[in-house]
Each structure stands twice: as C-alpha cells, then as structure tokens.
Amino acid sequence: MILVVAEKPSVAQSIAKVLGATSRKDGYLEGNNYIVSWCVGHLVGLADASSYDERYAKWRYDDLPIVPEEWLFEVPKDKAQQFKVLRELMKDKRVTELVCATDAGREGELIFRNIIRYGKIRKPIRRLWMQSMTDDSIIEAWNELKTDEEMLNLADAAVCRSESDWLVGLNSTRALTALQ
C-alpha cells in the first residue's frame, strides 16, 4: 500500500477521491491500495529551550546563547492523536511507500520531514507537487511524482530555515527582553 500524507484534511479528501480511497477511518481514508491521511499543520516542531535544560525556563541573559548540540522535537498536545495515527500508518507493514502531499513549498516540506525525523521513519518517499486541487491537476501531479532525491535540497533548506529561526529568534528575543 501507498500512504499519502497531505497537510490538511480537505486536501487529503480531494486526493483520496481521485485515488479511490473512499473508506473513512479514524484519521485517514483507505481504499484501492492507498491510505490517505493528513497533518493538520505542524504535527512536530522544534522543542522549547526548557526541554534542553530546566534552567532555560527562566529568561536570563547569562544563559545565552542557547545552541543545542542535537535538536529535540515535540508534538503539541492538541495534535498528539493525529501524530499517533500517522506514525502508526507510516510504520504499518502494509505500507511500502510514502507520498508527501503537503503544500508545495518549503514549509510543506518541513511539516512532512519533521514527522519523518521525529518518528524515525525509513521508507521510500516520493513527492506529489501540485499547485491546484482540481481532479485533473491531482491526476497530472500523481503521474509526475518527484523522487525523494529531487526534494532533498528543499528539505534541507526547510530544516535550515527552521533551525536558524529557532536560534536567532529565541536568543535575540531573550537577550532583548533580559536587557530591558
């Protein structure tokens, strides 16, 4: 089976209709050798500074800069159930391939890649890259699925932007706040 992961439930429903995955389950649609699920935005994000060390819960200038040796991730409580559904589907032995169908762009790529990284998923990946949600556009994009290798530069750019936003945003905000 092929697991298709969209960014939003409405996009997943449109893709599922075209692929013939019409059987509704809890957090996904299934049928015709496809499972189509969704992320509801960022299911996994970079952890707060206090996850690295309790002392970072207080904003102190002397603790800066905060630069993690290894990045930690967290799943927001309100999204834990859908993350659990996706992780179980990704690890399901019936699933032999993943198709990233999040929004076309760096942020959509990051949403998918953070789930893969945090969930330690090691399955073949392809990318559904579409700019429109018409049935014809979905079919055309499906017939031109991109390889994982084609998407690695975008994935790297997304991760780099996310980590640099965390470093610059967190450290500068804390520094400016602590100096006031």
C-alpha atoms as a PDB file:
ATOM      1  CA  MET A   1       0.000   0.000   0.000  1.00  0.00           C
ATOM      2  CA  ILE A   2       0.994   3.591  -0.559  1.00  0.00           C
ATOM      3  CA  LEU A   3       0.491   6.107   2.247  1.00  0.00           C
ATOM      4  CA  VAL A   4      -0.215   9.641   1.036  1.00  0.00           C
ATOM      5  CA  VAL A   5       0.258  12.400   3.619  1.00  0.00           C
ATOM      6  CA  ALA A   6      -1.461  15.727   2.968  1.00  0.00           C
ATOM      7  CA  GLU A   7      -1.175  18.890   5.045  1.00  0.00           C
ATOM      8  CA  LYS A   8      -4.887  19.407   5.630  1.00  0.00           C
ATOM      9  CA  PRO A   9      -7.934  17.114   5.823  1.00  0.00           C
ATOM     10  CA  SER A  10      -9.654  18.873   2.904  1.00  0.00           C
ATOM     11  CA  VAL A  11      -6.659  18.266   0.615  1.00  0.00           C
ATOM     12  CA  ALA A  12      -6.475  14.645   1.753  1.00  0.00           C
ATOM     13  CA  GLN A  13     -10.157  14.178   0.881  1.00  0.00           C
ATOM     14  CA  SER A  14      -9.636  15.586  -2.626  1.00  0.00           C
ATOM     15  CA  ILE A  15      -6.626  13.335  -3.249  1.00  0.00           C
ATOM     16  CA  ALA A  16      -8.381  10.291  -1.757  1.00  0.00           C
ATOM     17  CA  LYS A  17     -11.382  10.803  -4.041  1.00  0.00           C
ATOM     18  CA  VAL A  18      -9.142  10.809  -7.128  1.00  0.00           C
ATOM     19  CA  LEU A  19      -7.188   7.744  -5.936  1.00  0.00           C
ATOM     20  CA  GLY A  20     -10.301   5.806  -4.950  1.00  0.00           C
ATOM     21  CA  ALA A  21      -9.567   5.707  -1.219  1.00  0.00           C
ATOM     22  CA  THR A  22     -13.163   6.146  -0.092  1.00  0.00           C
ATOM     23  CA  SER A  23     -13.384   4.100   3.121  1.00  0.00           C
ATOM     24  CA  ARG A  24     -13.311   6.538   6.052  1.00  0.00           C
ATOM     25  CA  LYS A  25     -11.281   5.537   9.115  1.00  0.00           C
ATOM     26  CA  ASP A  26     -10.180   7.404  12.244  1.00  0.00           C
ATOM     27  CA  GLY A  27      -7.697   9.983  10.897  1.00  0.00           C
ATOM     28  CA  TYR A  28      -7.394   8.656   7.352  1.00  0.00           C
ATOM     29  CA  LEU A  29      -9.122   7.305   4.254  1.00  0.00           C
ATOM     30  CA  GLU A  30      -8.348   3.937   2.700  1.00  0.00           C
ATOM     31  CA  GLY A  31      -9.064   2.025  -0.481  1.00  0.00           C
ATOM     32  CA  ASN A  32      -7.746   0.920  -3.859  1.00  0.00           C
ATOM     33  CA  ASN A  33      -4.308   0.096  -2.303  1.00  0.00           C
ATOM     34  CA  TYR A  34      -3.943   3.636  -0.897  1.00  0.00           C
ATOM     35  CA  ILE A  35      -4.124   5.188   2.544  1.00  0.00           C
ATOM     36  CA  VAL A  36      -4.549   8.966   2.586  1.00  0.00           C
ATOM     37  CA  SER A  37      -4.041  10.896   5.807  1.00  0.00           C
ATOM     38  CA  TRP A  38      -3.236  14.436   6.898  1.00  0.00           C
ATOM     39  CA  CYS A  39      -1.153  16.536   9.261  1.00  0.00           C
ATOM     40  CA  VAL A  40      -3.360  19.466  10.361  1.00  0.00           C
ATOM     41  CA  GLY A  41      -0.350  21.767  10.013  1.00  0.00           C
ATOM     42  CA  HIS A  42       2.811  21.260  12.042  1.00  0.00           C
ATOM     43  CA  LEU A  43       2.364  17.997  13.968  1.00  0.00           C
ATOM     44  CA  VAL A  44       6.001  18.034  15.069  1.00  0.00           C
ATOM     45  CA  GLY A  45       8.129  21.072  15.842  1.00  0.00           C
ATOM     46  CA  LEU A  46      11.392  22.021  17.461  1.00  0.00           C
ATOM     47  CA  ALA A  47      11.249  21.730  21.235  1.00  0.00           C
ATOM     48  CA  ASP A  48      11.241  24.736  23.536  1.00  0.00           C
ATOM     49  CA  ALA A  49      14.537  25.727  25.162  1.00  0.00           C
ATOM     50  CA  SER A  50      13.412  24.386  28.544  1.00  0.00           C
ATOM     51  CA  SER A  51      13.356  20.887  27.010  1.00  0.00           C
ATOM     52  CA  TYR A  52      17.144  21.062  26.787  1.00  0.00           C
ATOM     53  CA  ASP A  53      17.717  22.263  30.336  1.00  0.00           C
ATOM     54  CA  GLU A  54      15.236  23.293  33.058  1.00  0.00           C
ATOM     55  CA  ARG A  55      17.216  26.464  33.772  1.00  0.00           C
ATOM     56  CA  TYR A  56      16.174  27.776  30.331  1.00  0.00           C
ATOM     57  CA  ALA A  57      12.584  28.056  31.555  1.00  0.00           C
ATOM     58  CA  LYS A  58      13.692  31.407  33.030  1.00  0.00           C
ATOM     59  CA  TRP A  59      14.927  34.013  30.596  1.00  0.00           C
ATOM     60  CA  ARG A  60      18.399  35.063  31.759  1.00  0.00           C
ATOM     61  CA  TYR A  61      20.998  36.891  29.739  1.00  0.00           C
ATOM     62  CA  ASP A  62      23.798  34.809  31.311  1.00  0.00           C
ATOM     63  CA  ASP A  63      22.387  31.625  29.744  1.00  0.00           C
ATOM     64  CA  LEU A  64      22.757  32.978  26.204  1.00  0.00           C
ATOM     65  CA  PRO A  65      23.368  31.899  23.583  1.00  0.00           C
ATOM     66  CA  ILE A  66      21.369  28.703  23.725  1.00  0.00           C
ATOM     67  CA  VAL A  67      22.691  26.429  20.969  1.00  0.00           C
ATOM     68  CA  PRO A  68      21.545  22.793  21.087  1.00  0.00           C
ATOM     69  CA  GLU A  69      24.104  20.114  20.264  1.00  0.00           C
ATOM     70  CA  GLU A  70      21.295  17.934  18.979  1.00  0.00           C
ATOM     71  CA  TRP A  71      17.801  19.156  18.076  1.00  0.00           C
ATOM     72  CA  LEU A  72      14.874  17.940  20.123  1.00  0.00           C
ATOM     73  CA  PHE A  73      11.328  17.750  18.808  1.00  0.00           C
ATOM     74  CA  GLU A  74       7.904  17.830  20.393  1.00  0.00           C
ATOM     75  CA  VAL A  75       4.327  17.139  19.403  1.00  0.00           C
ATOM     76  CA  PRO A  76       1.792  19.713  20.628  1.00  0.00           C
ATOM     77  CA  LYS A  77      -0.798  18.108  22.927  1.00  0.00           C
ATOM     78  CA  ASP A  78      -3.673  19.169  20.688  1.00  0.00           C
ATOM     79  CA  LYS A  79      -2.101  17.317  17.735  1.00  0.00           C
ATOM     80  CA  ALA A  80      -0.858  14.192  19.517  1.00  0.00           C
ATOM     81  CA  GLN A  81      -3.733  11.987  18.358  1.00  0.00           C
ATOM     82  CA  GLN A  82      -3.236  12.727  14.653  1.00  0.00           C
ATOM     83  CA  PHE A  83       0.533  12.303  15.019  1.00  0.00           C
ATOM     84  CA  LYS A  84      -0.071   8.887  16.595  1.00  0.00           C
ATOM     85  CA  VAL A  85      -2.340   7.921  13.694  1.00  0.00           C
ATOM     86  CA  LEU A  86       0.260   8.999  11.121  1.00  0.00           C
ATOM     87  CA  ARG A  87       3.189   7.344  12.895  1.00  0.00           C
ATOM     88  CA  GLU A  88       1.291   4.057  13.164  1.00  0.00           C
ATOM     89  CA  LEU A  89       0.347   4.231   9.491  1.00  0.00           C
ATOM     90  CA  MET A  90       3.943   5.019   8.481  1.00  0.00           C
ATOM     91  CA  LYS A  91       5.205   2.034  10.480  1.00  0.00           C
ATOM     92  CA  ASP A  92       2.430  -0.272   9.237  1.00  0.00           C
ATOM     93  CA  LYS A  93       3.990  -3.281   7.441  1.00  0.00           C
ATOM     94  CA  ARG A  94       1.369  -2.981   4.695  1.00  0.00           C
ATOM     95  CA  VAL A  95       2.748   0.460   3.779  1.00  0.00           C
ATOM     96  CA  THR A  96       5.669   0.110   1.386  1.00  0.00           C
ATOM     97  CA  GLU A  97       5.979   3.724   0.227  1.00  0.00           C
ATOM     98  CA  LEU A  98       5.179   7.240   1.429  1.00  0.00           C
ATOM     99  CA  VAL A  99       3.996  10.087  -0.753  1.00  0.00           C
ATOM    100  CA  CYS A 100       4.450  13.561   0.663  1.00  0.00           C
ATOM    101  CA  ALA A 101       1.443  15.603  -0.473  1.00  0.00           C
ATOM    102  CA  THR A 102       1.831  18.555   1.865  1.00  0.00           C
ATOM    103  CA  ASP A 103       1.609  22.042   0.387  1.00  0.00           C
ATOM    104  CA  ALA A 104       4.089  22.703  -2.417  1.00  0.00           C
ATOM    105  CA  GLY A 105       6.902  24.727  -0.884  1.00  0.00           C
ATOM    106  CA  ARG A 106       9.493  24.825   1.853  1.00  0.00           C
ATOM    107  CA  GLU A 107       7.051  24.896   4.781  1.00  0.00           C
ATOM    108  CA  GLY A 108       5.022  21.966   3.473  1.00  0.00           C
ATOM    109  CA  GLU A 109       8.225  20.013   3.024  1.00  0.00           C
ATOM    110  CA  LEU A 110       9.253  20.811   6.617  1.00  0.00           C
ATOM    111  CA  ILE A 111       5.923  19.629   8.013  1.00  0.00           C
ATOM    112  CA  PHE A 112       6.418  16.213   6.395  1.00  0.00           C
ATOM    113  CA  ARG A 113      10.165  15.927   7.111  1.00  0.00           C
ATOM    114  CA  ASN A 114       9.760  16.697  10.824  1.00  0.00           C
ATOM    115  CA  ILE A 115       7.304  13.806  11.134  1.00  0.00           C
ATOM    116  CA  ILE A 116       9.759  11.504   9.362  1.00  0.00           C
ATOM    117  CA  ARG A 117      12.696  12.662  11.531  1.00  0.00           C
ATOM    118  CA  TYR A 118      10.870  12.530  14.854  1.00  0.00           C
ATOM    119  CA  GLY A 119       9.103   9.267  14.035  1.00  0.00           C
ATOM    120  CA  LYS A 120      12.341   7.653  12.757  1.00  0.00           C
ATOM    121  CA  ILE A 121      10.587   6.507   9.605  1.00  0.00           C
ATOM    122  CA  ARG A 122      12.711   4.729   6.984  1.00  0.00           C
ATOM    123  CA  LYS A 123      10.565   4.012   3.944  1.00  0.00           C
ATOM    124  CA  PRO A 124      10.829   5.110   0.314  1.00  0.00           C
ATOM    125  CA  ILE A 125       9.422   8.591  -0.292  1.00  0.00           C
ATOM    126  CA  ARG A 126       8.066  10.352  -3.353  1.00  0.00           C
ATOM    127  CA  ARG A 127       6.585  13.850  -3.627  1.00  0.00           C
ATOM    128  CA  LEU A 128       3.235  14.937  -5.032  1.00  0.00           C
ATOM    129  CA  TRP A 129       3.863  18.500  -6.193  1.00  0.00           C
ATOM    130  CA  MET A 130       0.709  20.324  -7.233  1.00  0.00           C
ATOM    131  CA  GLN A 131      -0.439  23.908  -7.397  1.00  0.00           C
ATOM    132  CA  SER A 132      -4.149  23.249  -7.866  1.00  0.00           C
ATOM    133  CA  MET A 133      -6.718  20.934  -6.289  1.00  0.00           C
ATOM    134  CA  THR A 134      -8.779  20.069  -9.366  1.00  0.00           C
ATOM    135  CA  ASP A 135      -9.117  16.373 -10.151  1.00  0.00           C
ATOM    136  CA  ASP A 136      -7.159  16.861 -13.381  1.00  0.00           C
ATOM    137  CA  SER A 137      -4.330  18.653 -11.543  1.00  0.00           C
ATOM    138  CA  ILE A 138      -4.133  15.894  -8.946  1.00  0.00           C
ATOM    139  CA  ILE A 139      -4.009  13.223 -11.657  1.00  0.00           C
ATOM    140  CA  GLU A 140      -1.342  15.128 -13.593  1.00  0.00           C
ATOM    141  CA  ALA A 141       0.797  15.616 -10.465  1.00  0.00           C
ATOM    142  CA  TRP A 142       0.331  11.958  -9.499  1.00  0.00           C
ATOM    143  CA  ASN A 143       1.600  10.888 -12.914  1.00  0.00           C
ATOM    144  CA  GLU A 144       4.685  13.079 -12.366  1.00  0.00           C
ATOM    145  CA  LEU A 145       5.597  12.162  -8.776  1.00  0.00           C
ATOM    146  CA  LYS A 146       9.019  13.527  -7.846  1.00  0.00           C
ATOM    147  CA  THR A 147      11.718  11.365  -6.307  1.00  0.00           C
ATOM    148  CA  ASP A 148      12.951  11.922  -2.782  1.00  0.00           C
ATOM    149  CA  GLU A 149      16.350  12.881  -4.196  1.00  0.00           C
ATOM    150  CA  GLU A 150      14.742  15.699  -6.188  1.00  0.00           C
ATOM    151  CA  MET A 151      13.302  17.128  -2.962  1.00  0.00           C
ATOM    152  CA  LEU A 152      16.340  16.866  -0.665  1.00  0.00           C
ATOM    153  CA  ASN A 153      17.610  20.405  -1.364  1.00  0.00           C
ATOM    154  CA  LEU A 154      14.207  21.855  -0.499  1.00  0.00           C
ATOM    155  CA  ALA A 155      14.040  19.649   2.595  1.00  0.00           C
ATOM    156  CA  ASP A 156      17.499  20.811   3.688  1.00  0.00           C
ATOM    157  CA  ALA A 157      16.533  24.458   3.104  1.00  0.00           C
ATOM    158  CA  ALA A 158      13.387  23.975   5.179  1.00  0.00           C
ATOM    159  CA  VAL A 159      15.298  22.415   8.079  1.00  0.00           C
ATOM    160  CA  CYS A 160      17.993  25.103   7.893  1.00  0.00           C
ATOM    161  CA  ARG A 161      15.399  27.895   7.957  1.00  0.00           C
ATOM    162  CA  SER A 162      13.543  26.305  10.863  1.00  0.00           C
ATOM    163  CA  GLU A 163      16.650  25.784  12.987  1.00  0.00           C
ATOM    164  CA  SER A 164      18.055  29.241  12.211  1.00  0.00           C
ATOM    165  CA  ASP A 165      14.678  30.827  13.095  1.00  0.00           C
ATOM    166  CA  TRP A 166      14.795  28.996  16.422  1.00  0.00           C
ATOM    167  CA  LEU A 167      18.387  30.063  17.155  1.00  0.00           C
ATOM    168  CA  VAL A 168      18.070  33.698  16.110  1.00  0.00           C
ATOM    169  CA  GLY A 169      14.517  34.205  17.317  1.00  0.00           C
ATOM    170  CA  LEU A 170      14.906  32.585  20.699  1.00  0.00           C
ATOM    171  CA  ASN A 171      18.322  34.054  21.533  1.00  0.00           C
ATOM    172  CA  SER A 172      17.626  37.577  20.301  1.00  0.00           C
ATOM    173  CA  THR A 173      14.191  37.745  21.945  1.00  0.00           C
ATOM    174  CA  ARG A 174      15.590  36.556  25.261  1.00  0.00           C
ATOM    175  CA  ALA A 175      18.598  38.892  25.028  1.00  0.00           C
ATOM    176  CA  LEU A 176      16.486  41.956  24.285  1.00  0.00           C
ATOM    177  CA  THR A 177      13.941  41.073  26.958  1.00  0.00           C
ATOM    178  CA  ALA A 178      16.612  40.394  29.594  1.00  0.00           C
ATOM    179  CA  LEU A 179      18.354  43.707  28.893  1.00  0.00           C
ATOM    180  CA  GLN A 180      15.225  45.797  29.487  1.00  0.00           C
END
